[in-house]
């Protein structure tokens, strides 16, 4: 079964593509655990602290 991206996760993926930055590079640059970013993107975990950080850095709406 394939996981579905959340609306926020899709916005994150699009922004990273626009910036030509991989998820791994993004996480290393901003000190975000890779597994936490994946959980946020796919909605497996709320992780509001990191979700706010991701939204701030990428300048995307947290409710996306």
C-alpha atoms as a PDB file:
ATOM      1  CA  UNK A   1       0.000   0.000   0.000  1.00  0.00           C
ATOM      2  CA  UNK A   2       1.372   3.390  -1.020  1.00  0.00           C
ATOM      3  CA  UNK A   3       1.306   6.252   1.450  1.00  0.00           C
ATOM      4  CA  UNK A   4      -0.544   9.407   0.466  1.00  0.00           C
ATOM      5  CA  UNK A   5       1.008  12.836   0.851  1.00  0.00           C
ATOM      6  CA  UNK A   6      -0.868  15.330   2.981  1.00  0.00           C
ATOM      7  CA  UNK A   7      -1.679  18.726   1.492  1.00  0.00           C
ATOM      8  CA  UNK A   8       1.119  20.177   3.632  1.00  0.00           C
ATOM      9  CA  UNK A   9       3.440  17.371   2.527  1.00  0.00           C
ATOM     10  CA  UNK A  10       2.745  18.112  -1.118  1.00  0.00           C
ATOM     11  CA  UNK A  11       3.511  21.808  -0.528  1.00  0.00           C
ATOM     12  CA  UNK A  12       6.810  20.825   1.143  1.00  0.00           C
ATOM     13  CA  UNK A  13       7.780  18.518  -1.711  1.00  0.00           C
ATOM     14  CA  UNK A  14       6.964  21.158  -4.334  1.00  0.00           C
ATOM     15  CA  UNK A  15       8.939  23.840  -2.499  1.00  0.00           C
ATOM     16  CA  UNK A  16      11.969  21.572  -2.117  1.00  0.00           C
ATOM     17  CA  UNK A  17      11.822  20.794  -5.845  1.00  0.00           C
ATOM     18  CA  UNK A  18      11.590  24.519  -6.655  1.00  0.00           C
ATOM     19  CA  UNK A  19      14.656  25.119  -4.481  1.00  0.00           C
ATOM     20  CA  UNK A  20      16.456  22.093  -5.965  1.00  0.00           C
ATOM     21  CA  UNK A  21      17.093  20.746  -2.465  1.00  0.00           C
ATOM     22  CA  UNK A  22      16.661  17.117  -1.427  1.00  0.00           C
ATOM     23  CA  UNK A  23      14.846  16.143   1.743  1.00  0.00           C
ATOM     24  CA  UNK A  24      18.148  14.885   3.138  1.00  0.00           C
ATOM     25  CA  UNK A  25      19.943  18.170   2.409  1.00  0.00           C
ATOM     26  CA  UNK A  26      17.062  20.162   3.890  1.00  0.00           C
ATOM     27  CA  UNK A  27      17.051  18.101   7.076  1.00  0.00           C
ATOM     28  CA  UNK A  28      20.826  18.332   7.495  1.00  0.00           C
ATOM     29  CA  UNK A  29      20.810  22.078   6.897  1.00  0.00           C
ATOM     30  CA  UNK A  30      18.068  22.800   9.441  1.00  0.00           C
ATOM     31  CA  UNK A  31      18.647  20.058  12.018  1.00  0.00           C
ATOM     32  CA  UNK A  32      15.378  18.259  11.376  1.00  0.00           C
ATOM     33  CA  UNK A  33      15.426  14.472  11.742  1.00  0.00           C
ATOM     34  CA  UNK A  34      14.744  12.842   8.364  1.00  0.00           C
ATOM     35  CA  UNK A  35      12.211  10.438   9.828  1.00  0.00           C
ATOM     36  CA  UNK A  36      10.323  13.341  11.407  1.00  0.00           C
ATOM     37  CA  UNK A  37      10.086  15.192   8.086  1.00  0.00           C
ATOM     38  CA  UNK A  38       8.799  12.037   6.410  1.00  0.00           C
ATOM     39  CA  UNK A  39       6.202  11.578   9.161  1.00  0.00           C
ATOM     40  CA  UNK A  40       5.047  15.173   8.682  1.00  0.00           C
ATOM     41  CA  UNK A  41       4.883  14.859   4.889  1.00  0.00           C
ATOM     42  CA  UNK A  42       2.775  11.701   5.055  1.00  0.00           C
ATOM     43  CA  UNK A  43       0.724  12.674   8.112  1.00  0.00           C
ATOM     44  CA  UNK A  44       1.983   9.791  10.239  1.00  0.00           C
ATOM     45  CA  UNK A  45       2.726  12.152  13.103  1.00  0.00           C
ATOM     46  CA  UNK A  46       1.723  15.692  13.974  1.00  0.00           C
ATOM     47  CA  UNK A  47       5.178  16.835  15.187  1.00  0.00           C
ATOM     48  CA  UNK A  48       3.978  20.439  15.433  1.00  0.00           C
ATOM     49  CA  UNK A  49       7.395  21.776  16.537  1.00  0.00           C
ATOM     50  CA  UNK A  50       9.070  20.574  13.351  1.00  0.00           C
ATOM     51  CA  UNK A  51       6.049  21.297  11.173  1.00  0.00           C
ATOM     52  CA  UNK A  52       6.187  24.944  12.257  1.00  0.00           C
ATOM     53  CA  UNK A  53       9.924  25.044  11.576  1.00  0.00           C
ATOM     54  CA  UNK A  54       9.504  23.536   8.105  1.00  0.00           C
ATOM     55  CA  UNK A  55       6.685  25.950   7.275  1.00  0.00           C
ATOM     56  CA  UNK A  56       8.730  28.929   8.467  1.00  0.00           C
ATOM     57  CA  UNK A  57      11.878  27.986   6.568  1.00  0.00           C
ATOM     58  CA  UNK A  58      10.045  27.137   3.346  1.00  0.00           C
ATOM     59  CA  UNK A  59       7.594  30.025   3.716  1.00  0.00           C
ATOM     60  CA  UNK A  60       4.526  27.867   3.279  1.00  0.00           C
ATOM     61  CA  UNK A  61       1.215  27.968   5.100  1.00  0.00           C
ATOM     62  CA  UNK A  62       1.110  25.450   7.947  1.00  0.00           C
ATOM     63  CA  UNK A  63      -2.524  24.696   7.145  1.00  0.00           C
ATOM     64  CA  UNK A  64      -1.579  23.737   3.582  1.00  0.00           C
END
